[in-house]
Protein backbone atom coordinates (compact mmCIF):
# COMPACT_ATOMS: atom_id res chain seq x y z
CA MET A 1 6.04 17.89 -3.11
CA THR A 2 3.54 15.33 -4.34
CA TRP A 3 5.06 12.42 -6.25
CA VAL A 4 3.59 9.98 -8.74
CA VAL A 5 5.55 6.73 -8.58
CA ASP A 6 5.33 3.99 -11.17
CA ALA A 7 5.48 0.22 -10.82
CA SER A 8 9.21 0.16 -11.57
CA VAL A 9 9.74 2.09 -8.33
CA VAL A 10 6.99 0.46 -6.25
CA ALA A 11 8.22 -3.08 -6.96
CA LYS A 12 11.54 -2.09 -5.39
CA TRP A 13 9.71 -1.48 -2.09
CA PHE A 14 9.20 -5.26 -1.85
CA LEU A 15 12.14 -6.70 -3.76
CA THR A 16 15.85 -6.43 -3.18
CA GLU A 17 17.02 -4.92 -6.43
CA PRO A 18 19.43 -2.21 -7.53
CA ASP A 19 18.13 1.14 -6.25
CA SER A 20 15.73 -0.44 -3.73
CA GLU A 21 17.15 1.86 -1.05
CA ALA A 22 16.33 4.93 -3.13
CA ALA A 23 12.80 3.63 -3.70
CA LEU A 24 12.35 2.99 0.02
CA ALA A 25 13.55 6.52 0.76
CA LEU A 26 10.57 7.85 -1.22
CA LEU A 27 8.29 5.62 0.80
CA GLY A 28 9.85 6.85 4.01
CA ALA A 29 9.32 10.53 3.13
CA ALA A 30 6.00 10.64 4.99
CA PHE A 31 5.60 14.36 4.33
CA ASP A 32 5.57 13.80 0.56
CA PRO A 33 2.22 12.48 -0.69
CA LEU A 34 2.49 9.50 -3.06
CA LEU A 35 0.02 8.91 -5.91
CA ALA A 36 -0.40 6.32 -8.64
CA PRO A 37 -3.03 5.22 -11.11
CA ASP A 38 -4.81 2.04 -10.04
CA LEU A 39 -3.02 0.02 -12.69
CA VAL A 40 0.03 0.12 -10.37
CA ILE A 41 -1.58 -2.76 -8.46
CA ALA A 42 -1.73 -5.01 -11.51
CA GLU A 43 1.76 -4.03 -12.65
CA VAL A 44 3.35 -4.65 -9.26
CA ALA A 45 1.43 -7.91 -8.84
CA ASN A 46 2.82 -9.02 -12.21
CA ALA A 47 6.39 -8.11 -11.21
CA LEU A 48 5.99 -10.04 -7.95
CA TRP A 49 4.52 -13.00 -9.84
CA HIS A 50 7.61 -13.10 -12.06
CA LYS A 51 9.89 -13.06 -9.01
CA ALA A 52 7.79 -15.67 -7.16
CA ARG A 53 7.79 -17.94 -10.21
CA ARG A 54 11.60 -17.75 -10.32
CA GLY A 55 11.86 -18.35 -6.59
CA ASP A 56 13.23 -14.89 -5.78
CA ILE A 57 10.34 -14.19 -3.39
CA GLY A 58 7.92 -16.49 -1.62
CA LEU A 59 4.24 -16.55 -2.54
CA ALA A 60 3.11 -15.43 0.93
CA PRO A 61 5.28 -12.27 1.00
CA ALA A 62 4.21 -11.46 -2.57
CA GLN A 63 0.54 -11.85 -1.66
CA GLU A 64 0.98 -9.72 1.46
CA ALA A 65 2.68 -6.98 -0.55
CA VAL A 66 -0.12 -6.90 -3.11
CA ALA A 67 -2.85 -7.02 -0.46
CA ASN A 68 -1.36 -4.04 1.40
CA LEU A 69 -0.09 -2.05 -1.56
CA HIS A 70 -2.84 0.57 -1.35
CA ALA A 71 -1.79 1.50 2.20
CA HIS A 72 1.48 2.98 0.91
CA PHE A 73 -0.29 5.63 -1.17
CA ASP A 74 -2.10 8.80 -0.25
CA GLU A 75 -4.30 8.25 -3.30
CA ILE A 76 -4.75 5.66 -6.01
CA VAL A 77 -6.50 7.23 -8.98
CA PRO A 78 -8.82 5.30 -11.34
CA ALA A 79 -7.08 4.72 -14.65
CA SER A 80 -10.36 5.38 -16.47
CA ALA A 81 -10.09 9.07 -15.55
CA LEU A 82 -6.59 9.25 -17.04
CA ALA A 83 -7.07 7.10 -20.15
CA PRO A 84 -7.81 9.79 -22.77
CA ARG A 85 -4.79 11.90 -21.77
CA ALA A 86 -2.56 8.83 -21.35
CA LEU A 87 -3.40 7.76 -24.89
CA SER A 88 -2.57 11.21 -26.27
CA ILE A 89 0.76 11.23 -24.46
CA ALA A 90 1.55 7.71 -25.71
CA VAL A 91 0.89 8.72 -29.30
CA GLU A 92 3.05 11.82 -28.96
CA LEU A 93 5.92 9.98 -27.28
CA ARG A 94 5.52 6.81 -29.35
CA HIS A 95 5.73 4.95 -26.06
CA PRO A 96 3.47 2.27 -24.50
CA VAL A 97 0.34 3.73 -22.99
CA TYR A 98 0.75 1.90 -19.67
CA ASP A 99 3.64 4.15 -18.71
CA CYS A 100 1.81 7.24 -19.91
CA PHE A 101 -0.93 6.85 -17.29
CA TYR A 102 1.67 7.89 -14.71
CA LEU A 103 2.68 10.90 -16.80
CA ALA A 104 -0.96 11.88 -17.25
CA LEU A 105 -1.50 11.75 -13.49
CA ALA A 106 1.61 13.79 -12.74
CA GLU A 107 0.58 16.37 -15.33
CA ALA A 108 -2.99 16.58 -14.01
CA ARG A 109 -1.90 17.01 -10.39
CA GLY A 110 1.15 19.19 -10.99
CA ALA A 111 3.19 16.49 -9.29
CA GLY A 112 6.66 15.14 -9.84
CA PHE A 113 7.01 11.72 -11.42
CA VAL A 114 9.61 9.17 -10.34
CA THR A 115 10.49 6.14 -12.43
CA ALA A 116 13.26 3.56 -12.49
CA ASP A 117 12.46 2.88 -16.16
CA ARG A 118 15.39 4.31 -18.11
CA ARG A 119 13.60 3.83 -21.44
CA LEU A 120 10.64 5.93 -20.29
CA HIS A 121 12.96 8.55 -18.81
CA ALA A 122 14.79 8.78 -22.14
CA ALA A 123 11.49 9.02 -24.04
CA VAL A 124 10.39 12.16 -22.19
CA GLN A 125 13.64 14.06 -22.71
CA GLY A 126 13.04 17.18 -24.81
CA THR A 127 9.30 17.09 -24.11
CA PRO A 128 7.07 18.98 -21.67
CA TRP A 129 7.09 15.90 -19.39
CA ALA A 130 10.86 16.06 -18.87
CA LYS A 131 10.47 18.74 -16.22
CA LEU A 132 8.08 16.48 -14.25
CA THR A 133 10.15 13.32 -14.52
CA ARG A 134 12.96 12.17 -12.26
CA LEU A 135 14.94 8.96 -12.70
CA LEU A 136 15.10 7.03 -9.43
CA ALA A 137 18.84 6.34 -9.65
């Protein structure tokens, strides 16, 4: 199955956090294509910046992770192609549009969507996106 993974999952590939092993298992499933909108790069870079600023990760490993992030995906999709649908989903869910780019991509590709964001997972319950969405843990 093809999976869309969001920044809450991808950051766990580079940081030791709860559920990092589950996130790495997705990365290790080489037969399952992984997709994300291109905003995943900015979101993961921001998460790594926070951790580097606190001293939880060194600057060099954070830079290396960001520089090589694209290599972990089968495809990174331009957010501009997803923006109209992401906005519609955000309005319907009353949820920040950033997260809805991932839902728009999963919907467009008929892919599953994996997130570690419990708030987003809760927001999709009872909606058409619930059947696409899987909570990492």
